[in-house]
Amino acid sequence: MKRPLRNPEDPGLPVWLDAQARPLACTGKIRVLNENYRELRQLAQDALEDGVLMGCDEAQLRAAFRALVDAL
């Protein structure tokens, strides 16, 4: 039975895959991807909290953020 892939640096982060669905091996690339993911997650969390504090509907904010990511 195949074990699920886990990010060795942080199990809460994705395992980064190449175009053939193989895990990346370069620790430098993994480090950069992990850092970018953490920064993006924090920025999105801050933006969500700001919007809710300003009275915006949380569901609308989440939908707008999903649409933004989908449009990348």
Protein backbone atom coordinates (compact mmCIF):
# COMPACT_ATOMS: atom_id res chain seq x y z
CA MET A 1 0.00 0.00 0.00
CA LYS A 2 1.34 3.40 -1.00
CA ARG A 3 1.92 5.88 1.83
CA PRO A 4 0.47 9.37 1.31
CA LEU A 5 3.06 11.98 0.42
CA ARG A 6 3.92 14.45 3.18
CA ASN A 7 5.89 17.63 2.93
CA PRO A 8 9.02 16.89 5.01
CA GLU A 9 9.30 20.49 6.19
CA ASP A 10 5.67 20.90 7.29
CA PRO A 11 2.89 18.30 6.97
CA GLY A 12 0.42 21.20 6.61
CA LEU A 13 1.96 22.19 3.27
CA PRO A 14 1.44 20.46 -0.07
CA VAL A 15 4.00 18.09 -1.52
CA TRP A 16 5.22 19.95 -4.59
CA LEU A 17 5.04 17.86 -7.77
CA ASP A 18 6.61 18.19 -11.20
CA ALA A 19 4.67 17.97 -14.48
CA GLN A 20 4.82 14.15 -14.31
CA ALA A 21 3.32 14.14 -10.78
CA ARG A 22 6.65 13.21 -9.15
CA PRO A 23 7.66 15.00 -5.94
CA LEU A 24 10.26 17.72 -6.43
CA ALA A 25 13.64 16.71 -5.04
CA CYS A 26 15.44 20.07 -5.03
CA THR A 27 15.38 21.38 -1.47
CA GLY A 28 15.97 24.94 -2.65
CA LYS A 29 12.89 24.89 -4.88
CA ILE A 30 10.82 23.27 -2.14
CA ARG A 31 11.96 25.92 0.34
CA VAL A 32 10.93 28.75 -2.02
CA LEU A 33 7.56 27.15 -2.78
CA ASN A 34 6.88 26.58 0.92
CA GLU A 35 7.78 30.19 1.73
CA ASN A 36 5.58 31.54 -1.07
CA TYR A 37 2.68 29.35 0.06
CA ARG A 38 2.98 30.53 3.68
CA GLU A 39 3.18 34.18 2.62
CA LEU A 40 0.15 33.85 0.34
CA ARG A 41 -1.83 32.05 3.05
CA GLN A 42 -1.04 34.80 5.58
CA LEU A 43 -1.87 37.58 3.13
CA ALA A 44 -5.19 35.94 2.26
CA GLN A 45 -5.98 35.44 5.97
CA ASP A 46 -5.22 39.10 6.69
CA ALA A 47 -7.35 40.27 3.74
CA LEU A 48 -10.25 38.06 4.83
CA GLU A 49 -10.11 39.37 8.40
CA ASP A 50 -9.89 42.99 7.17
CA GLY A 51 -12.90 42.52 4.92
CA VAL A 52 -15.00 40.93 7.66
CA LEU A 53 -14.02 43.69 10.11
CA MET A 54 -15.14 46.27 7.53
CA GLY A 55 -18.53 44.57 7.27
CA CYS A 56 -18.14 42.58 4.06
CA ASP A 57 -19.89 39.22 3.82
CA GLU A 58 -17.35 36.47 4.52
CA ALA A 59 -18.88 34.10 1.96
CA GLN A 60 -18.58 36.77 -0.75
CA LEU A 61 -14.95 37.42 0.17
CA ARG A 62 -14.13 33.72 0.02
CA ALA A 63 -15.87 33.39 -3.36
CA ALA A 64 -13.99 36.41 -4.71
CA PHE A 65 -10.65 35.00 -3.50
CA ARG A 66 -11.42 31.61 -5.13
CA ALA A 67 -12.28 33.37 -8.39
CA LEU A 68 -9.04 35.35 -8.17
CA VAL A 69 -6.94 32.22 -7.75
CA ASP A 70 -8.87 30.40 -10.49
CA ALA A 71 -8.16 33.28 -12.86
CA LEU A 72 -4.38 33.09 -12.39
